[in-house]
Amino acid sequence: MIYYRGTKDIRLNHTVVALGKFDGLHRGHQLLIEKLKKYGKKGYQTVVFTFDFHPMSLLSGKIQPLIYTKEERQKIVEEFGIDVLIEYPFTQETAHMLPEDFVKDVLVSCIGAEVIVVGDDFHFGYQRSGDVAFLKAHEKQYGYVVDNCEKLCVNGEEISSTMIRHYISQGNMEMVTELLGRPYHITGEVIPGKANGRTVGMPTANLAPEAGKLLPPEGVYASTIRIGSQEKQYYALTNIGHNPTVGDHNDLRVETHVIDFSGDLYGEKIAVSLYWHVRDEHKFNSLVEVKAQVEKDRERAMLYFKDYGIMA
């Protein structure tokens, strides 16, 4: 997959392009991607177009927590089989671009769009003044066609990244999985910890989440992990929090105890998928108490995986 990030120097042709923020690449976004792939079979180069900086972060002056980091999003788009991912620079100049200038100078001249795929509620350009009707009104002038689709609903509500952020903030990972079409995951390199888990026979793999990555509430989660590019997954328990029993730091950590795994994971890149909130984080009186609780948590997690047919 070709990956453009933070550059306007793009020259493509004969493309079908899907437009959107694509934060989360949820099931609604996947409808657009399925349309792309159908055009791809007809010979078009498939393009996902988004921004390298969340628009709300620039417009509001506050960093918008991301469901997926740029690296995570890139990997997911590549797994979908898309030819090109563009993360276009979102600057004050971009924010003030008129809709027709965006169509003419970016979509047509730079990207070579011959088919534009969008959701019915898509808006773009200065003060969101461009929409699907605007795109369709300029089809003949600029030589493209618009293929738009309705918003996907779950339980009578339109799926959106805002909705998914809400459920993540509640720790409702089962609903998050329903909306994303996959379990929510956190990726990173395993870093050294205090190795307290090893003293009681329950070592953990520690991640320091990337700044801006949206995390669920502190607590213990039934999870699975994938190591590097391996296809094999392992059942696991993941604690998100400050490790109050032995912790002497203020940094939020993601610590994962991998069930039935032996080996050194330091320096490995892992992906931790969160399925179910087992319990809140607690402070225990000793590591012995921690071990006893982890054993109970592990039993509950394995029952959950069994009941729902989740295979690692």
C-alpha atoms as a PDB file:
ATOM      1  CA  MET A   1       0.000   0.000   0.000  1.00  0.00           C
ATOM      2  CA  ILE A   2       1.196   3.519  -0.846  1.00  0.00           C
ATOM      3  CA  TYR A   3       1.057   5.818   2.185  1.00  0.00           C
ATOM      4  CA  TYR A   4       1.064   9.626   1.917  1.00  0.00           C
ATOM      5  CA  ARG A   5       1.251  11.484   5.208  1.00  0.00           C
ATOM      6  CA  GLY A   6       1.569  15.222   5.793  1.00  0.00           C
ATOM      7  CA  THR A   7       2.325  16.084   2.147  1.00  0.00           C
ATOM      8  CA  LYS A   8       0.405  17.803  -0.647  1.00  0.00           C
ATOM      9  CA  ASP A   9       2.786  16.461  -3.286  1.00  0.00           C
ATOM     10  CA  ILE A  10       0.465  13.753  -4.597  1.00  0.00           C
ATOM     11  CA  ARG A  11      -0.090  12.779  -8.220  1.00  0.00           C
ATOM     12  CA  LEU A  12      -2.505   9.934  -8.893  1.00  0.00           C
ATOM     13  CA  ASN A  13      -4.900   9.090 -11.707  1.00  0.00           C
ATOM     14  CA  HIS A  14      -7.884   6.881 -12.480  1.00  0.00           C
ATOM     15  CA  THR A  15      -8.862   6.619  -8.818  1.00  0.00           C
ATOM     16  CA  VAL A  16     -11.887   5.898  -6.695  1.00  0.00           C
ATOM     17  CA  VAL A  17     -11.547   7.819  -3.428  1.00  0.00           C
ATOM     18  CA  ALA A  18     -13.427   7.513  -0.136  1.00  0.00           C
ATOM     19  CA  LEU A  19     -13.537  10.703   1.941  1.00  0.00           C
ATOM     20  CA  GLY A  20     -13.875  10.929   5.716  1.00  0.00           C
ATOM     21  CA  LYS A  21     -12.135  11.253   9.081  1.00  0.00           C
ATOM     22  CA  PHE A  22     -11.894   7.447   9.355  1.00  0.00           C
ATOM     23  CA  ASP A  23     -11.171   7.569  13.081  1.00  0.00           C
ATOM     24  CA  GLY A  24     -11.995   4.034  14.148  1.00  0.00           C
ATOM     25  CA  LEU A  25     -12.691   2.588  10.698  1.00  0.00           C
ATOM     26  CA  HIS A  26     -15.983   1.352  12.138  1.00  0.00           C
ATOM     27  CA  ARG A  27     -18.665  -0.641  10.352  1.00  0.00           C
ATOM     28  CA  GLY A  28     -20.072   2.506   8.746  1.00  0.00           C
ATOM     29  CA  HIS A  29     -16.665   3.328   7.303  1.00  0.00           C
ATOM     30  CA  GLN A  30     -16.377  -0.265   6.124  1.00  0.00           C
ATOM     31  CA  LEU A  31     -19.407   0.249   3.850  1.00  0.00           C
ATOM     32  CA  LEU A  32     -17.399   2.915   2.017  1.00  0.00           C
ATOM     33  CA  ILE A  33     -14.364   0.651   1.852  1.00  0.00           C
ATOM     34  CA  GLU A  34     -16.435  -2.207   0.406  1.00  0.00           C
ATOM     35  CA  LYS A  35     -17.584   0.184  -2.321  1.00  0.00           C
ATOM     36  CA  LEU A  36     -13.949   1.095  -3.016  1.00  0.00           C
ATOM     37  CA  LYS A  37     -13.011  -2.543  -3.408  1.00  0.00           C
ATOM     38  CA  LYS A  38     -15.822  -3.146  -5.907  1.00  0.00           C
ATOM     39  CA  TYR A  39     -14.510  -0.290  -8.052  1.00  0.00           C
ATOM     40  CA  GLY A  40     -11.015  -1.649  -7.576  1.00  0.00           C
ATOM     41  CA  LYS A  41     -12.077  -4.839  -9.314  1.00  0.00           C
ATOM     42  CA  LYS A  42     -13.019  -2.655 -12.310  1.00  0.00           C
ATOM     43  CA  GLY A  43      -9.478  -1.302 -12.576  1.00  0.00           C
ATOM     44  CA  TYR A  44      -9.629   1.822 -10.449  1.00  0.00           C
ATOM     45  CA  GLN A  45      -6.877   2.618  -7.967  1.00  0.00           C
ATOM     46  CA  THR A  46      -8.505   2.608  -4.540  1.00  0.00           C
ATOM     47  CA  VAL A  47      -7.805   5.550  -2.217  1.00  0.00           C
ATOM     48  CA  VAL A  48      -8.788   6.314   1.376  1.00  0.00           C
ATOM     49  CA  PHE A  49      -8.473  10.062   1.991  1.00  0.00           C
ATOM     50  CA  THR A  50      -8.363  11.542   5.478  1.00  0.00           C
ATOM     51  CA  PHE A  51      -6.328  14.092   7.418  1.00  0.00           C
ATOM     52  CA  ASP A  52      -3.031  13.802   9.305  1.00  0.00           C
ATOM     53  CA  PHE A  53      -4.436  15.919  12.160  1.00  0.00           C
ATOM     54  CA  HIS A  54      -7.961  15.531  13.502  1.00  0.00           C
ATOM     55  CA  PRO A  55      -9.897  18.635  12.329  1.00  0.00           C
ATOM     56  CA  MET A  56     -11.511  19.131  15.734  1.00  0.00           C
ATOM     57  CA  SER A  57      -8.064  19.327  17.355  1.00  0.00           C
ATOM     58  CA  LEU A  58      -7.171  22.331  15.188  1.00  0.00           C
ATOM     59  CA  LEU A  59     -10.572  24.013  15.251  1.00  0.00           C
ATOM     60  CA  SER A  60     -11.162  23.630  18.992  1.00  0.00           C
ATOM     61  CA  GLY A  61      -7.563  24.008  20.129  1.00  0.00           C
ATOM     62  CA  LYS A  62      -7.883  20.787  22.159  1.00  0.00           C
ATOM     63  CA  ILE A  63      -6.276  17.476  21.273  1.00  0.00           C
ATOM     64  CA  GLN A  64      -8.969  15.031  20.185  1.00  0.00           C
ATOM     65  CA  PRO A  65      -8.311  11.541  21.612  1.00  0.00           C
ATOM     66  CA  LEU A  66      -8.014   9.053  18.779  1.00  0.00           C
ATOM     67  CA  ILE A  67      -9.662   5.655  18.625  1.00  0.00           C
ATOM     68  CA  TYR A  68      -6.718   4.464  16.568  1.00  0.00           C
ATOM     69  CA  THR A  69      -3.253   5.935  16.227  1.00  0.00           C
ATOM     70  CA  LYS A  70      -1.982   6.738  12.750  1.00  0.00           C
ATOM     71  CA  GLU A  71       0.102   3.567  12.723  1.00  0.00           C
ATOM     72  CA  GLU A  72      -2.881   1.454  13.780  1.00  0.00           C
ATOM     73  CA  ARG A  73      -5.109   3.054  11.154  1.00  0.00           C
ATOM     74  CA  GLN A  74      -2.494   2.521   8.464  1.00  0.00           C
ATOM     75  CA  LYS A  75      -2.260  -1.176   9.299  1.00  0.00           C
ATOM     76  CA  ILE A  76      -6.051  -1.656   9.264  1.00  0.00           C
ATOM     77  CA  VAL A  77      -6.446   0.111   5.914  1.00  0.00           C
ATOM     78  CA  GLU A  78      -3.685  -2.037   4.476  1.00  0.00           C
ATOM     79  CA  GLU A  79      -5.394  -5.180   5.787  1.00  0.00           C
ATOM     80  CA  PHE A  80      -8.552  -4.104   3.945  1.00  0.00           C
ATOM     81  CA  GLY A  81      -6.566  -4.321   0.699  1.00  0.00           C
ATOM     82  CA  ILE A  82      -6.671  -0.624  -0.217  1.00  0.00           C
ATOM     83  CA  ASP A  83      -4.067   0.681  -2.689  1.00  0.00           C
ATOM     84  CA  VAL A  84      -3.433   4.162  -1.256  1.00  0.00           C
ATOM     85  CA  LEU A  85      -3.923   5.868   2.112  1.00  0.00           C
ATOM     86  CA  ILE A  86      -3.659   9.668   2.151  1.00  0.00           C
ATOM     87  CA  GLU A  87      -3.400  11.610   5.415  1.00  0.00           C
ATOM     88  CA  TYR A  88      -3.593  15.117   3.982  1.00  0.00           C
ATOM     89  CA  PRO A  89      -2.163  18.056   5.979  1.00  0.00           C
ATOM     90  CA  PHE A  90      -4.957  19.757   7.940  1.00  0.00           C
ATOM     91  CA  THR A  91      -3.759  23.313   8.482  1.00  0.00           C
ATOM     92  CA  GLN A  92      -5.458  26.693   8.772  1.00  0.00           C
ATOM     93  CA  GLU A  93      -5.091  26.945   4.996  1.00  0.00           C
ATOM     94  CA  THR A  94      -6.870  23.607   4.545  1.00  0.00           C
ATOM     95  CA  ALA A  95      -9.583  24.579   7.046  1.00  0.00           C
ATOM     96  CA  HIS A  96     -10.322  27.766   5.047  1.00  0.00           C
ATOM     97  CA  MET A  97     -10.336  26.072   1.635  1.00  0.00           C
ATOM     98  CA  LEU A  98     -13.575  26.613  -0.283  1.00  0.00           C
ATOM     99  CA  PRO A  99     -15.405  23.430  -1.338  1.00  0.00           C
ATOM    100  CA  GLU A 100     -14.854  23.982  -5.064  1.00  0.00           C
ATOM    101  CA  ASP A 101     -11.139  24.614  -4.565  1.00  0.00           C
ATOM    102  CA  PHE A 102     -10.866  21.357  -2.616  1.00  0.00           C
ATOM    103  CA  VAL A 103     -12.658  19.469  -5.383  1.00  0.00           C
ATOM    104  CA  LYS A 104     -10.663  21.070  -8.206  1.00  0.00           C
ATOM    105  CA  ASP A 105      -7.191  21.325  -6.677  1.00  0.00           C
ATOM    106  CA  VAL A 106      -7.089  18.283  -4.411  1.00  0.00           C
ATOM    107  CA  LEU A 107      -9.577  15.632  -5.512  1.00  0.00           C
ATOM    108  CA  VAL A 108      -9.309  16.109  -9.265  1.00  0.00           C
ATOM    109  CA  SER A 109      -5.861  17.608  -9.931  1.00  0.00           C
ATOM    110  CA  CYS A 110      -3.835  15.780  -7.254  1.00  0.00           C
ATOM    111  CA  ILE A 111      -5.718  12.556  -6.644  1.00  0.00           C
ATOM    112  CA  GLY A 112      -7.251  12.009 -10.084  1.00  0.00           C
ATOM    113  CA  ALA A 113     -10.651  11.152  -8.628  1.00  0.00           C
ATOM    114  CA  GLU A 114     -13.057   9.640 -11.151  1.00  0.00           C
ATOM    115  CA  VAL A 115     -15.365   8.181  -8.485  1.00  0.00           C
ATOM    116  CA  ILE A 116     -15.948   9.812  -5.080  1.00  0.00           C
ATOM    117  CA  VAL A 117     -17.388   7.615  -2.331  1.00  0.00           C
ATOM    118  CA  VAL A 118     -18.937   9.348   0.708  1.00  0.00           C
ATOM    119  CA  GLY A 119     -21.536   8.932   3.405  1.00  0.00           C
ATOM    120  CA  ASP A 120     -24.782  10.884   3.107  1.00  0.00           C
ATOM    121  CA  ASP A 121     -23.799  13.215   5.955  1.00  0.00           C
ATOM    122  CA  PHE A 122     -20.355  14.085   4.583  1.00  0.00           C
ATOM    123  CA  HIS A 123     -19.352  17.770   4.798  1.00  0.00           C
ATOM    124  CA  PHE A 124     -16.126  19.461   3.749  1.00  0.00           C
ATOM    125  CA  GLY A 125     -14.575  22.818   2.993  1.00  0.00           C
ATOM    126  CA  TYR A 126     -14.689  26.095   4.891  1.00  0.00           C
ATOM    127  CA  GLN A 127     -17.273  26.000   7.672  1.00  0.00           C
ATOM    128  CA  ARG A 128     -18.441  22.602   6.352  1.00  0.00           C
ATOM    129  CA  SER A 129     -20.149  24.380   3.464  1.00  0.00           C
ATOM    130  CA  GLY A 130     -19.623  21.521   1.012  1.00  0.00           C
ATOM    131  CA  ASP A 131     -21.770  18.378   1.074  1.00  0.00           C
ATOM    132  CA  VAL A 132     -22.969  15.490  -1.081  1.00  0.00           C
ATOM    133  CA  ALA A 133     -25.331  17.751  -3.016  1.00  0.00           C
ATOM    134  CA  PHE A 134     -22.407  20.060  -3.828  1.00  0.00           C
ATOM    135  CA  LEU A 135     -20.287  17.149  -5.035  1.00  0.00           C
ATOM    136  CA  LYS A 136     -23.092  15.878  -7.266  1.00  0.00           C
ATOM    137  CA  ALA A 137     -23.748  19.352  -8.693  1.00  0.00           C
ATOM    138  CA  HIS A 138     -20.160  19.475  -9.980  1.00  0.00           C
ATOM    139  CA  GLU A 139     -19.913  15.941 -11.396  1.00  0.00           C
ATOM    140  CA  LYS A 140     -20.072  16.917 -15.092  1.00  0.00           C
ATOM    141  CA  GLN A 141     -17.858  19.982 -14.676  1.00  0.00           C
ATOM    142  CA  TYR A 142     -14.995  18.009 -13.152  1.00  0.00           C
ATOM    143  CA  GLY A 143     -15.557  14.594 -14.706  1.00  0.00           C
ATOM    144  CA  TYR A 144     -16.268  12.366 -11.717  1.00  0.00           C
ATOM    145  CA  VAL A 145     -19.284  10.538 -10.329  1.00  0.00           C
ATOM    146  CA  VAL A 146     -20.437  10.408  -6.712  1.00  0.00           C
ATOM    147  CA  ASP A 147     -21.389   7.145  -5.017  1.00  0.00           C
ATOM    148  CA  ASN A 148     -22.913   7.928  -1.629  1.00  0.00           C
ATOM    149  CA  CYS A 149     -24.381   5.598   0.970  1.00  0.00           C
ATOM    150  CA  GLU A 150     -26.679   5.880   3.963  1.00  0.00           C
ATOM    151  CA  LYS A 151     -25.393   5.855   7.516  1.00  0.00           C
ATOM    152  CA  LEU A 152     -25.359   2.423   9.137  1.00  0.00           C
ATOM    153  CA  CYS A 153     -27.485   2.091  12.268  1.00  0.00           C
ATOM    154  CA  VAL A 154     -27.253  -0.203  15.296  1.00  0.00           C
ATOM    155  CA  ASN A 155     -30.213  -0.366  17.672  1.00  0.00           C
ATOM    156  CA  GLY A 156     -31.781   2.589  15.884  1.00  0.00           C
ATOM    157  CA  GLU A 157     -28.693   4.828  16.267  1.00  0.00           C
ATOM    158  CA  GLU A 158     -26.298   5.886  13.541  1.00  0.00           C
ATOM    159  CA  ILE A 159     -22.816   4.483  14.081  1.00  0.00           C
ATOM    160  CA  SER A 160     -20.297   7.261  14.619  1.00  0.00           C
ATOM    161  CA  SER A 161     -16.846   7.727  16.085  1.00  0.00           C
ATOM    162  CA  THR A 162     -18.452   9.896  18.780  1.00  0.00           C
ATOM    163  CA  MET A 163     -20.675   6.999  19.809  1.00  0.00           C
ATOM    164  CA  ILE A 164     -17.706   4.631  19.898  1.00  0.00           C
ATOM    165  CA  ARG A 165     -15.694   7.042  22.044  1.00  0.00           C
ATOM    166  CA  HIS A 166     -18.622   7.133  24.465  1.00  0.00           C
ATOM    167  CA  TYR A 167     -18.684   3.351  24.865  1.00  0.00           C
ATOM    168  CA  ILE A 168     -14.895   3.169  25.198  1.00  0.00           C
ATOM    169  CA  SER A 169     -15.046   5.777  27.971  1.00  0.00           C
ATOM    170  CA  GLN A 170     -17.614   3.573  29.742  1.00  0.00           C
ATOM    171  CA  GLY A 171     -15.510   0.437  29.366  1.00  0.00           C
ATOM    172  CA  ASN A 172     -18.304  -1.242  27.396  1.00  0.00           C
ATOM    173  CA  MET A 173     -15.923  -3.137  25.144  1.00  0.00           C
ATOM    174  CA  GLU A 174     -18.570  -5.564  23.919  1.00  0.00           C
ATOM    175  CA  MET A 175     -20.557  -2.697  22.403  1.00  0.00           C
ATOM    176  CA  VAL A 176     -17.347  -1.230  21.000  1.00  0.00           C
ATOM    177  CA  THR A 177     -16.651  -4.553  19.267  1.00  0.00           C
ATOM    178  CA  GLU A 178     -20.189  -4.513  17.836  1.00  0.00           C
ATOM    179  CA  LEU A 179     -19.692  -1.037  16.368  1.00  0.00           C
ATOM    180  CA  LEU A 180     -16.145  -1.504  15.107  1.00  0.00           C
ATOM    181  CA  GLY A 181     -16.712  -4.963  13.704  1.00  0.00           C
ATOM    182  CA  ARG A 182     -13.562  -6.038  15.574  1.00  0.00           C
ATOM    183  CA  PRO A 183     -12.296  -5.845  19.153  1.00  0.00           C
ATOM    184  CA  TYR A 184     -10.692  -2.555  20.145  1.00  0.00           C
ATOM    185  CA  HIS A 185      -6.927  -2.882  20.302  1.00  0.00           C
ATOM    186  CA  ILE A 186      -3.867  -1.109  21.628  1.00  0.00           C
ATOM    187  CA  THR A 187      -0.484  -1.576  19.988  1.00  0.00           C
ATOM    188  CA  GLY A 188       3.007  -0.784  21.165  1.00  0.00           C
ATOM    189  CA  GLU A 189       6.436  -2.061  22.008  1.00  0.00           C
ATOM    190  CA  VAL A 190       6.853  -4.052  25.220  1.00  0.00           C
ATOM    191  CA  ILE A 191       8.930  -2.007  27.655  1.00  0.00           C
ATOM    192  CA  PRO A 192      10.683  -3.049  30.874  1.00  0.00           C
ATOM    193  CA  GLY A 193       8.555  -2.932  34.021  1.00  0.00           C
ATOM    194  CA  LYS A 194       9.335  -3.590  37.685  1.00  0.00           C
ATOM    195  CA  ALA A 195       9.031  -7.366  37.102  1.00  0.00           C
ATOM    196  CA  ASN A 196       6.881  -7.775  40.225  1.00  0.00           C
ATOM    197  CA  GLY A 197       4.632 -10.224  38.407  1.00  0.00           C
ATOM    198  CA  ARG A 198       7.542 -12.569  37.801  1.00  0.00           C
ATOM    199  CA  THR A 199       8.083 -12.951  41.548  1.00  0.00           C
ATOM    200  CA  VAL A 200       4.651 -14.596  41.871  1.00  0.00           C
ATOM    201  CA  GLY A 201       4.792 -16.499  38.579  1.00  0.00           C
ATOM    202  CA  MET A 202       2.596 -14.081  36.620  1.00  0.00           C
ATOM    203  CA  PRO A 203       4.824 -11.933  34.386  1.00  0.00           C
ATOM    204  CA  THR A 204       3.268  -9.087  32.434  1.00  0.00           C
ATOM    205  CA  ALA A 205       4.036  -7.344  29.155  1.00  0.00           C
ATOM    206  CA  ASN A 206       4.034  -3.584  29.704  1.00  0.00           C
ATOM    207  CA  LEU A 207       3.053  -0.959  27.139  1.00  0.00           C
ATOM    208  CA  ALA A 208       3.239   2.820  27.378  1.00  0.00           C
ATOM    209  CA  PRO A 209       0.285   3.954  25.217  1.00  0.00           C
ATOM    210  CA  GLU A 210       0.974   6.561  22.543  1.00  0.00           C
ATOM    211  CA  ALA A 211      -0.044  10.079  23.546  1.00  0.00           C
ATOM    212  CA  GLY A 212      -3.552  10.836  22.312  1.00  0.00           C
ATOM    213  CA  LYS A 213      -4.635   7.180  22.239  1.00  0.00           C
ATOM    214  CA  LEU A 214      -8.106   6.832  23.728  1.00  0.00           C
ATOM    215  CA  LEU A 215      -8.187   4.287  26.547  1.00  0.00           C
ATOM    216  CA  PRO A 216     -11.090   2.746  28.466  1.00  0.00           C
ATOM    217  CA  PRO A 217     -11.448   3.251  32.251  1.00  0.00           C
ATOM    218  CA  GLU A 218      -8.849   1.815  34.598  1.00  0.00           C
ATOM    219  CA  GLY A 219      -9.484  -1.828  35.334  1.00  0.00           C
ATOM    220  CA  VAL A 220      -8.897  -5.411  34.258  1.00  0.00           C
ATOM    221  CA  TYR A 221     -10.027  -6.642  30.840  1.00  0.00           C
ATOM    222  CA  ALA A 222     -10.325 -10.044  29.196  1.00  0.00           C
ATOM    223  CA  SER A 223      -8.081  -9.723  26.173  1.00  0.00           C
ATOM    224  CA  THR A 224      -6.011 -11.438  23.530  1.00  0.00           C
ATOM    225  CA  ILE A 225      -2.614 -10.467  22.177  1.00  0.00           C
ATOM    226  CA  ARG A 226      -0.838 -10.902  18.876  1.00  0.00           C
ATOM    227  CA  ILE A 227       2.957 -10.740  18.792  1.00  0.00           C
ATOM    228  CA  GLY A 228       4.542  -8.915  15.881  1.00  0.00           C
ATOM    229  CA  SER A 229       3.291 -10.191  12.537  1.00  0.00           C
ATOM    230  CA  GLN A 230       2.371 -13.621  13.898  1.00  0.00           C
ATOM    231  CA  GLU A 231      -1.111 -14.875  13.108  1.00  0.00           C
ATOM    232  CA  LYS A 232      -1.354 -16.786  16.374  1.00  0.00           C
ATOM    233  CA  GLN A 233      -3.111 -15.055  19.259  1.00  0.00           C
ATOM    234  CA  TYR A 234      -2.958 -15.748  22.996  1.00  0.00           C
ATOM    235  CA  TYR A 235      -5.578 -15.336  25.692  1.00  0.00           C
ATOM    236  CA  ALA A 236      -4.637 -12.677  28.215  1.00  0.00           C
ATOM    237  CA  LEU A 237      -5.667 -10.412  31.081  1.00  0.00           C
ATOM    238  CA  THR A 238      -4.916  -6.720  30.670  1.00  0.00           C
ATOM    239  CA  ASN A 239      -4.768  -4.163  33.458  1.00  0.00           C
ATOM    240  CA  ILE A 240      -5.112  -0.505  32.513  1.00  0.00           C
ATOM    241  CA  GLY A 241      -4.118   1.792  35.344  1.00  0.00           C
ATOM    242  CA  HIS A 242      -1.387   2.893  37.705  1.00  0.00           C
ATOM    243  CA  ASN A 243      -0.783  -0.459  39.438  1.00  0.00           C
ATOM    244  CA  PRO A 244      -1.595   0.943  42.909  1.00  0.00           C
ATOM    245  CA  THR A 245      -0.379  -2.102  44.856  1.00  0.00           C
ATOM    246  CA  VAL A 246       3.272  -1.728  43.845  1.00  0.00           C
ATOM    247  CA  GLY A 247       3.257   1.288  41.562  1.00  0.00           C
ATOM    248  CA  ASP A 248       5.388   4.311  42.362  1.00  0.00           C
ATOM    249  CA  HIS A 249       4.650   6.257  39.201  1.00  0.00           C
ATOM    250  CA  ASN A 250       1.821   8.406  37.885  1.00  0.00           C
ATOM    251  CA  ASP A 251       1.960   7.205  34.292  1.00  0.00           C
ATOM    252  CA  LEU A 252      -0.946   5.209  32.988  1.00  0.00           C
ATOM    253  CA  ARG A 253       0.219   1.751  31.974  1.00  0.00           C
ATOM    254  CA  VAL A 254      -1.192  -1.118  29.983  1.00  0.00           C
ATOM    255  CA  GLU A 255       0.038  -4.352  31.599  1.00  0.00           C
ATOM    256  CA  THR A 256      -0.903  -7.687  30.082  1.00  0.00           C
ATOM    257  CA  HIS A 257      -0.535 -11.130  31.638  1.00  0.00           C
ATOM    258  CA  VAL A 258      -0.444 -13.601  28.743  1.00  0.00           C
ATOM    259  CA  ILE A 259      -2.098 -16.892  29.643  1.00  0.00           C
ATOM    260  CA  ASP A 260      -0.179 -20.088  28.832  1.00  0.00           C
ATOM    261  CA  PHE A 261       2.784 -18.279  27.330  1.00  0.00           C
ATOM    262  CA  SER A 262       6.447 -18.501  28.250  1.00  0.00           C
ATOM    263  CA  GLY A 263       9.128 -16.356  26.721  1.00  0.00           C
ATOM    264  CA  ASP A 264      10.632 -12.891  26.716  1.00  0.00           C
ATOM    265  CA  LEU A 265       8.521 -10.199  25.021  1.00  0.00           C
ATOM    266  CA  TYR A 266      10.777  -7.211  25.739  1.00  0.00           C
ATOM    267  CA  GLY A 267      11.181  -5.142  22.598  1.00  0.00           C
ATOM    268  CA  GLU A 268       8.437  -7.020  20.740  1.00  0.00           C
ATOM    269  CA  LYS A 269       5.604  -5.132  19.056  1.00  0.00           C
ATOM    270  CA  ILE A 270       2.293  -6.487  20.313  1.00  0.00           C
ATOM    271  CA  ALA A 271      -1.385  -5.759  19.706  1.00  0.00           C
ATOM    272  CA  VAL A 272      -3.678  -6.124  22.730  1.00  0.00           C
ATOM    273  CA  SER A 273      -7.388  -6.609  21.900  1.00  0.00           C
ATOM    274  CA  LEU A 274      -9.880  -5.818  24.673  1.00  0.00           C
ATOM    275  CA  TYR A 275     -13.106  -7.855  24.844  1.00  0.00           C
ATOM    276  CA  TRP A 276     -14.686  -7.466  28.273  1.00  0.00           C
ATOM    277  CA  HIS A 277     -14.292  -5.396  31.445  1.00  0.00           C
ATOM    278  CA  VAL A 278     -13.713  -7.951  34.208  1.00  0.00           C
ATOM    279  CA  ARG A 279     -13.424  -5.582  37.177  1.00  0.00           C
ATOM    280  CA  ASP A 280     -12.171  -2.187  38.340  1.00  0.00           C
ATOM    281  CA  GLU A 281      -8.588  -1.684  39.435  1.00  0.00           C
ATOM    282  CA  HIS A 282      -8.009  -2.210  43.180  1.00  0.00           C
ATOM    283  CA  LYS A 283      -5.151  -1.765  45.602  1.00  0.00           C
ATOM    284  CA  PHE A 284      -4.174  -4.981  47.405  1.00  0.00           C
ATOM    285  CA  ASN A 285      -2.135  -5.473  50.535  1.00  0.00           C
ATOM    286  CA  SER A 286       0.442  -7.762  48.959  1.00  0.00           C
ATOM    287  CA  LEU A 287       1.551  -9.475  45.772  1.00  0.00           C
ATOM    288  CA  VAL A 288       0.152 -12.719  47.179  1.00  0.00           C
ATOM    289  CA  GLU A 289      -3.315 -11.129  47.213  1.00  0.00           C
ATOM    290  CA  VAL A 290      -2.725  -9.845  43.689  1.00  0.00           C
ATOM    291  CA  LYS A 291      -1.882 -13.376  42.506  1.00  0.00           C
ATOM    292  CA  ALA A 292      -5.020 -14.820  44.114  1.00  0.00           C
ATOM    293  CA  GLN A 293      -7.190 -12.176  42.446  1.00  0.00           C
ATOM    294  CA  VAL A 294      -5.514 -12.622  39.063  1.00  0.00           C
ATOM    295  CA  GLU A 295      -6.250 -16.348  39.229  1.00  0.00           C
ATOM    296  CA  LYS A 296      -9.943 -15.548  39.797  1.00  0.00           C
ATOM    297  CA  ASP A 297      -9.888 -12.996  36.998  1.00  0.00           C
ATOM    298  CA  ARG A 298      -8.277 -15.516  34.683  1.00  0.00           C
ATOM    299  CA  GLU A 299     -11.008 -18.070  35.395  1.00  0.00           C
ATOM    300  CA  ARG A 300     -13.727 -15.505  34.694  1.00  0.00           C
ATOM    301  CA  ALA A 301     -12.017 -14.399  31.491  1.00  0.00           C
ATOM    302  CA  MET A 302     -11.641 -17.946  30.192  1.00  0.00           C
ATOM    303  CA  LEU A 303     -15.305 -18.665  30.947  1.00  0.00           C
ATOM    304  CA  TYR A 304     -16.217 -15.536  29.007  1.00  0.00           C
ATOM    305  CA  PHE A 305     -14.125 -16.606  26.018  1.00  0.00           C
ATOM    306  CA  LYS A 306     -15.676 -20.078  26.146  1.00  0.00           C
ATOM    307  CA  ASP A 307     -19.266 -18.817  26.471  1.00  0.00           C
ATOM    308  CA  TYR A 308     -18.891 -16.470  23.496  1.00  0.00           C
ATOM    309  CA  GLY A 309     -16.823 -18.818  21.359  1.00  0.00           C
ATOM    310  CA  ILE A 310     -13.859 -16.460  21.158  1.00  0.00           C
ATOM    311  CA  MET A 311     -10.861 -18.338  19.842  1.00  0.00           C
ATOM    312  CA  ALA A 312      -7.311 -17.122  20.367  1.00  0.00           C
END
